[in-house]
Amino acid sequence: MVEKAGNQVTRADVHLFEGRMARGIMVGRTDITRIIGILAIMLLTGSSAFGQFVVQPMKLLVPAPPGRRAPVQVMVENTTRDTVQSVDLRLADITQDANGVWQAIEPDAQVVTRPDGALIVNVGTESYPNLVDISKLRSCQSWVRLTRNKVEIRPLNREPVQLIIDVPAGTHGYYCAALLAQAQLGQQMVEGYMSNVVLEFVVPIIVQVQGRLERQSVQLTDVGLEFRPQDERVEPATLVSLSVKNDGGTYS
């Protein structure tokens, strides 16, 4: 997260397994240098924010029977040698975008209802929107409780954080939420601006409620070919695109 002059902020998304970057400028909101699960990492160009602290594991897969309590533990580690790290913790809803990247949904996110019943939320920026449909969101955020909302970690030390998941009776299938761990990293020079940088980890929480098997319904849609002409950076190529649609209750 960096806040620039004039209350503008910038965000750069670097997806680890795709090797590409997208950038955007937003006004009136503090943005986040964000590490999401094991799939994506958001780092600001030229920033040394990464490496101040880590959260393990980076994704929680929790099998639990209905009507029971499932305690889960994560570790927050301070990787610096001379700084006490203060980390704020909170819970949020989570979804996946068209590229399969986990995206946290902020509590104040604006939801737009379309005529077809879709509930659209922008999890990107104003300049580079990333619209997702949350009408079929299987949320378990209300089931999850944090035992600590803040941890103070000494240099090169770790602190455990307990999550209590109370699974309602009569539920089955997969449900998701997110643990957000955020730390203020102070001012850094980013693209010629002195900026306040915040690092945030987004840890997906995926609860598999045991019991009756859910119907699996996964299919490929919107398969297509696109020719990409040669330019200064790349050779000509034919790109294959497709979408994977999951209408069932399984995590696939």
Protein backbone atom coordinates (compact mmCIF):
# COMPACT_ATOMS: atom_id res chain seq x y z
CA MET A 1 0.00 0.00 0.00
CA VAL A 2 1.41 3.39 -0.90
CA GLU A 3 -0.18 6.78 -0.58
CA LYS A 4 1.18 9.37 -2.98
CA ALA A 5 0.95 13.14 -3.13
CA GLY A 6 -2.59 14.42 -3.64
CA ASN A 7 -4.03 11.36 -1.86
CA GLN A 8 -3.41 9.21 -4.92
CA VAL A 9 -2.30 5.64 -4.51
CA THR A 10 -0.75 3.13 -6.85
CA ARG A 11 -0.95 -0.64 -7.05
CA ALA A 12 1.05 -3.14 -9.07
CA ASP A 13 -0.06 -6.76 -9.35
CA VAL A 14 2.61 -9.34 -10.11
CA HIS A 15 1.25 -12.86 -10.58
CA LEU A 16 3.94 -15.37 -9.70
CA PHE A 17 3.04 -18.06 -12.19
CA GLU A 18 2.20 -15.74 -15.08
CA GLY A 19 5.10 -13.28 -15.01
CA ARG A 20 2.96 -10.29 -15.87
CA MET A 21 2.21 -6.98 -14.19
CA ALA A 22 -0.80 -4.67 -14.23
CA ARG A 23 -0.80 -1.24 -12.63
CA GLY A 24 -3.46 1.24 -11.70
CA ILE A 25 -4.00 4.58 -10.01
CA MET A 26 -6.83 5.20 -7.57
CA VAL A 27 -7.89 8.36 -5.78
CA GLY A 28 -9.19 8.67 -2.24
CA ARG A 29 -8.30 5.20 -1.01
CA THR A 30 -5.23 3.73 0.64
CA ASP A 31 -4.04 0.78 -1.41
CA ILE A 32 -2.27 -2.39 -0.40
CA THR A 33 0.93 -4.19 -1.22
CA ARG A 34 -0.72 -7.56 -0.96
CA ILE A 35 0.39 -11.17 -0.95
CA ILE A 36 -2.48 -13.49 -1.76
CA GLY A 37 -2.33 -17.17 -0.88
CA ILE A 38 0.26 -19.04 -2.90
CA LEU A 39 -1.10 -17.83 -6.22
CA ALA A 40 -0.34 -14.13 -6.50
CA ILE A 41 1.89 -11.45 -5.06
CA MET A 42 1.31 -7.71 -5.30
CA LEU A 43 4.51 -5.71 -4.97
CA LEU A 44 5.18 -2.07 -5.69
CA THR A 45 7.82 -1.40 -8.29
CA GLY A 46 11.09 -0.60 -6.55
CA SER A 47 9.69 -1.30 -3.10
CA SER A 48 11.53 -3.37 -0.50
CA ALA A 49 8.36 -4.05 1.48
CA PHE A 50 8.35 -7.80 0.88
CA GLY A 51 10.13 -9.76 3.57
CA GLN A 52 9.15 -7.79 6.69
CA PHE A 53 6.90 -10.55 8.03
CA VAL A 54 5.30 -13.77 6.82
CA VAL A 55 2.19 -15.79 7.64
CA GLN A 56 2.23 -19.59 7.62
CA PRO A 57 0.47 -21.49 6.20
CA MET A 58 -0.55 -19.25 3.30
CA LYS A 59 -3.77 -21.19 2.68
CA LEU A 60 -5.96 -22.99 5.23
CA LEU A 61 -7.83 -26.13 4.14
CA VAL A 62 -10.07 -27.11 7.06
CA PRO A 63 -12.14 -30.34 7.07
CA ALA A 64 -14.88 -30.10 9.70
CA PRO A 65 -18.15 -31.90 10.50
CA PRO A 66 -21.38 -29.86 10.64
CA GLY A 67 -22.43 -28.58 14.05
CA ARG A 68 -18.90 -28.80 15.45
CA ARG A 69 -16.07 -26.42 16.34
CA ALA A 70 -12.77 -26.53 14.44
CA PRO A 71 -9.80 -24.66 15.98
CA VAL A 72 -7.05 -23.66 13.53
CA GLN A 73 -3.66 -22.04 14.14
CA VAL A 74 -1.48 -19.83 11.95
CA MET A 75 1.98 -18.48 12.72
CA VAL A 76 2.99 -14.85 12.11
CA GLU A 77 6.76 -14.45 11.87
CA ASN A 78 8.83 -11.28 12.09
CA THR A 79 11.71 -11.67 9.62
CA THR A 80 13.50 -8.45 10.54
CA ARG A 81 16.58 -8.45 12.80
CA ASP A 82 16.10 -5.20 14.70
CA THR A 83 12.42 -4.13 14.57
CA VAL A 84 9.42 -5.12 16.66
CA GLN A 85 6.66 -5.78 14.12
CA SER A 86 3.04 -4.90 14.90
CA VAL A 87 0.58 -6.87 12.76
CA ASP A 88 -3.18 -6.19 12.63
CA LEU A 89 -5.50 -9.13 11.93
CA ARG A 90 -9.04 -9.18 10.56
CA LEU A 91 -11.46 -11.36 8.61
CA ALA A 92 -13.10 -10.73 5.24
CA ASP A 93 -15.03 -12.45 2.50
CA ILE A 94 -13.04 -13.82 -0.43
CA THR A 95 -13.69 -14.83 -4.01
CA GLN A 96 -11.77 -15.77 -7.15
CA ASP A 97 -11.51 -13.61 -10.25
CA ALA A 98 -11.59 -14.74 -13.89
CA ASN A 99 -7.93 -15.79 -13.65
CA GLY A 100 -8.50 -17.93 -10.56
CA VAL A 101 -6.66 -15.48 -8.27
CA TRP A 102 -8.03 -15.15 -4.74
CA GLN A 103 -9.39 -11.64 -4.08
CA ALA A 104 -10.48 -10.29 -0.69
CA ILE A 105 -13.78 -8.39 -0.63
CA GLU A 106 -13.62 -5.28 1.55
CA PRO A 107 -16.62 -4.67 3.85
CA ASP A 108 -17.32 -1.31 2.17
CA ALA A 109 -17.17 -2.70 -1.38
CA GLN A 110 -19.94 -1.37 -3.61
CA VAL A 111 -22.20 -4.13 -4.95
CA VAL A 112 -24.01 -3.56 -8.26
CA THR A 113 -27.03 -5.75 -9.04
CA ARG A 114 -27.45 -6.61 -12.72
CA PRO A 115 -30.80 -7.49 -14.38
CA ASP A 116 -29.73 -11.16 -14.62
CA GLY A 117 -29.29 -11.33 -10.84
CA ALA A 118 -25.50 -11.10 -10.84
CA LEU A 119 -23.96 -9.18 -7.92
CA ILE A 120 -20.88 -7.39 -9.24
CA VAL A 121 -18.01 -6.13 -7.08
CA ASN A 122 -14.85 -4.41 -8.31
CA VAL A 123 -11.85 -6.03 -6.58
CA GLY A 124 -9.38 -4.12 -8.78
CA THR A 125 -8.83 -0.38 -9.15
CA GLU A 126 -10.81 2.43 -10.75
CA SER A 127 -8.38 2.60 -13.67
CA TYR A 128 -7.99 -1.18 -13.97
CA PRO A 129 -11.27 -2.70 -12.77
CA ASN A 130 -11.47 -6.39 -11.91
CA LEU A 131 -15.17 -7.26 -11.75
CA VAL A 132 -16.36 -10.45 -10.05
CA ASP A 133 -19.83 -11.91 -9.52
CA ILE A 134 -20.48 -12.77 -5.87
CA SER A 135 -24.10 -13.90 -6.27
CA LYS A 136 -23.06 -17.50 -5.59
CA LEU A 137 -20.53 -16.67 -2.89
CA ARG A 138 -20.24 -19.47 -0.32
CA SER A 139 -19.06 -17.44 2.65
CA CYS A 140 -18.06 -18.77 6.06
CA GLN A 141 -16.81 -15.44 7.43
CA SER A 142 -19.54 -15.39 10.09
CA TRP A 143 -18.39 -18.80 11.33
CA VAL A 144 -14.82 -17.68 12.02
CA ARG A 145 -13.58 -15.88 15.13
CA LEU A 146 -10.09 -14.54 15.83
CA THR A 147 -8.71 -14.88 19.35
CA ARG A 148 -6.35 -11.92 18.71
CA ASN A 149 -6.79 -8.84 16.54
CA LYS A 150 -3.17 -7.66 16.87
CA VAL A 151 0.18 -9.28 17.54
CA GLU A 152 3.48 -7.68 18.56
CA ILE A 153 6.40 -9.79 17.38
CA ARG A 154 10.01 -9.39 18.45
CA PRO A 155 12.75 -9.55 15.80
CA LEU A 156 13.26 -13.04 14.32
CA ASN A 157 10.40 -14.45 16.41
CA ARG A 158 7.00 -16.00 15.74
CA GLU A 159 3.59 -15.61 17.36
CA PRO A 160 0.71 -18.11 17.09
CA VAL A 161 -2.78 -16.89 16.22
CA GLN A 162 -5.83 -19.07 16.88
CA LEU A 163 -8.91 -19.08 14.67
CA ILE A 164 -12.11 -20.69 15.97
CA ILE A 165 -14.47 -21.98 13.27
CA ASP A 166 -18.00 -22.87 14.44
CA VAL A 167 -19.63 -24.84 11.61
CA PRO A 168 -23.45 -24.57 11.65
CA ALA A 169 -25.50 -27.74 11.74
CA GLY A 170 -27.13 -28.77 8.48
CA THR A 171 -24.40 -27.33 6.23
CA HIS A 172 -22.37 -29.27 3.69
CA GLY A 173 -19.87 -28.59 0.92
CA TYR A 174 -17.14 -25.96 0.68
CA TYR A 175 -17.19 -22.45 2.13
CA CYS A 176 -14.57 -19.68 2.05
CA ALA A 177 -13.35 -16.64 3.97
CA ALA A 178 -10.04 -14.82 4.35
CA LEU A 179 -7.63 -13.89 7.12
CA LEU A 180 -5.99 -10.52 6.45
CA ALA A 181 -2.71 -9.72 8.23
CA GLN A 182 -1.51 -6.13 7.77
CA ALA A 183 1.55 -4.20 8.97
CA GLN A 184 2.59 -0.57 8.61
CA LEU A 185 6.11 -0.48 7.15
CA GLY A 186 6.68 3.28 7.35
CA GLN A 187 7.76 5.64 4.59
CA GLN A 188 9.68 4.49 1.54
CA MET A 189 10.65 6.15 -1.72
CA VAL A 190 8.41 4.74 -4.47
CA GLU A 191 8.64 6.14 -8.01
CA GLY A 192 9.98 9.46 -6.74
CA TYR A 193 7.42 9.87 -3.93
CA MET A 194 7.85 9.40 -0.21
CA SER A 195 5.04 6.95 0.44
CA ASN A 196 3.48 5.26 3.44
CA VAL A 197 3.77 1.55 2.72
CA VAL A 198 1.57 -1.17 4.18
CA LEU A 199 2.08 -4.89 3.58
CA GLU A 200 -0.92 -7.22 3.75
CA PHE A 201 -1.18 -10.99 3.53
CA VAL A 202 -4.46 -12.50 2.36
CA VAL A 203 -4.79 -16.08 3.61
CA PRO A 204 -7.71 -18.03 2.07
CA ILE A 205 -9.69 -20.11 4.58
CA ILE A 206 -11.42 -23.00 2.80
CA VAL A 207 -13.74 -25.04 5.02
CA GLN A 208 -14.84 -28.46 3.75
CA VAL A 209 -17.95 -29.43 5.70
CA GLN A 210 -17.96 -33.20 5.90
CA GLY A 211 -21.06 -35.31 5.45
CA ARG A 212 -23.36 -35.66 2.46
CA LEU A 213 -21.45 -35.48 -0.82
CA GLU A 214 -22.00 -32.38 -2.93
CA ARG A 215 -22.85 -32.51 -6.61
CA GLN A 216 -19.80 -31.86 -8.78
CA SER A 217 -20.43 -29.70 -11.84
CA VAL A 218 -17.30 -28.34 -13.51
CA GLN A 219 -17.19 -27.54 -17.22
CA LEU A 220 -15.09 -25.68 -19.78
CA THR A 221 -16.74 -22.69 -21.45
CA ASP A 222 -15.83 -19.88 -23.85
CA VAL A 223 -13.02 -21.74 -25.61
CA GLY A 224 -11.37 -19.59 -28.28
CA LEU A 225 -8.27 -18.85 -30.34
CA GLU A 226 -6.65 -15.44 -30.75
CA PHE A 227 -3.73 -14.52 -33.00
CA ARG A 228 -1.17 -12.23 -31.41
CA PRO A 229 0.96 -10.42 -34.02
CA GLN A 230 4.66 -9.87 -33.59
CA ASP A 231 5.86 -6.67 -31.94
CA GLU A 232 9.11 -5.38 -30.45
CA ARG A 233 8.87 -7.65 -27.43
CA VAL A 234 7.24 -10.92 -28.52
CA GLU A 235 7.12 -13.29 -31.46
CA PRO A 236 3.81 -13.92 -33.26
CA ALA A 237 1.71 -16.58 -31.54
CA THR A 238 -1.75 -18.11 -31.39
CA LEU A 239 -3.26 -17.92 -27.91
CA VAL A 240 -5.80 -20.42 -26.61
CA SER A 241 -8.30 -19.07 -24.07
CA LEU A 242 -10.94 -20.89 -22.05
CA SER A 243 -12.98 -20.49 -18.90
CA VAL A 244 -13.65 -23.08 -16.20
CA LYS A 245 -17.13 -22.82 -14.67
CA ASN A 246 -17.95 -24.49 -11.36
CA ASP A 247 -21.70 -24.64 -10.70
CA GLY A 248 -21.44 -27.41 -8.12
CA GLY A 249 -20.77 -27.41 -4.41
CA THR A 250 -17.29 -28.91 -4.58
CA TYR A 251 -13.91 -27.18 -4.47
CA SER A 252 -12.30 -28.28 -7.72
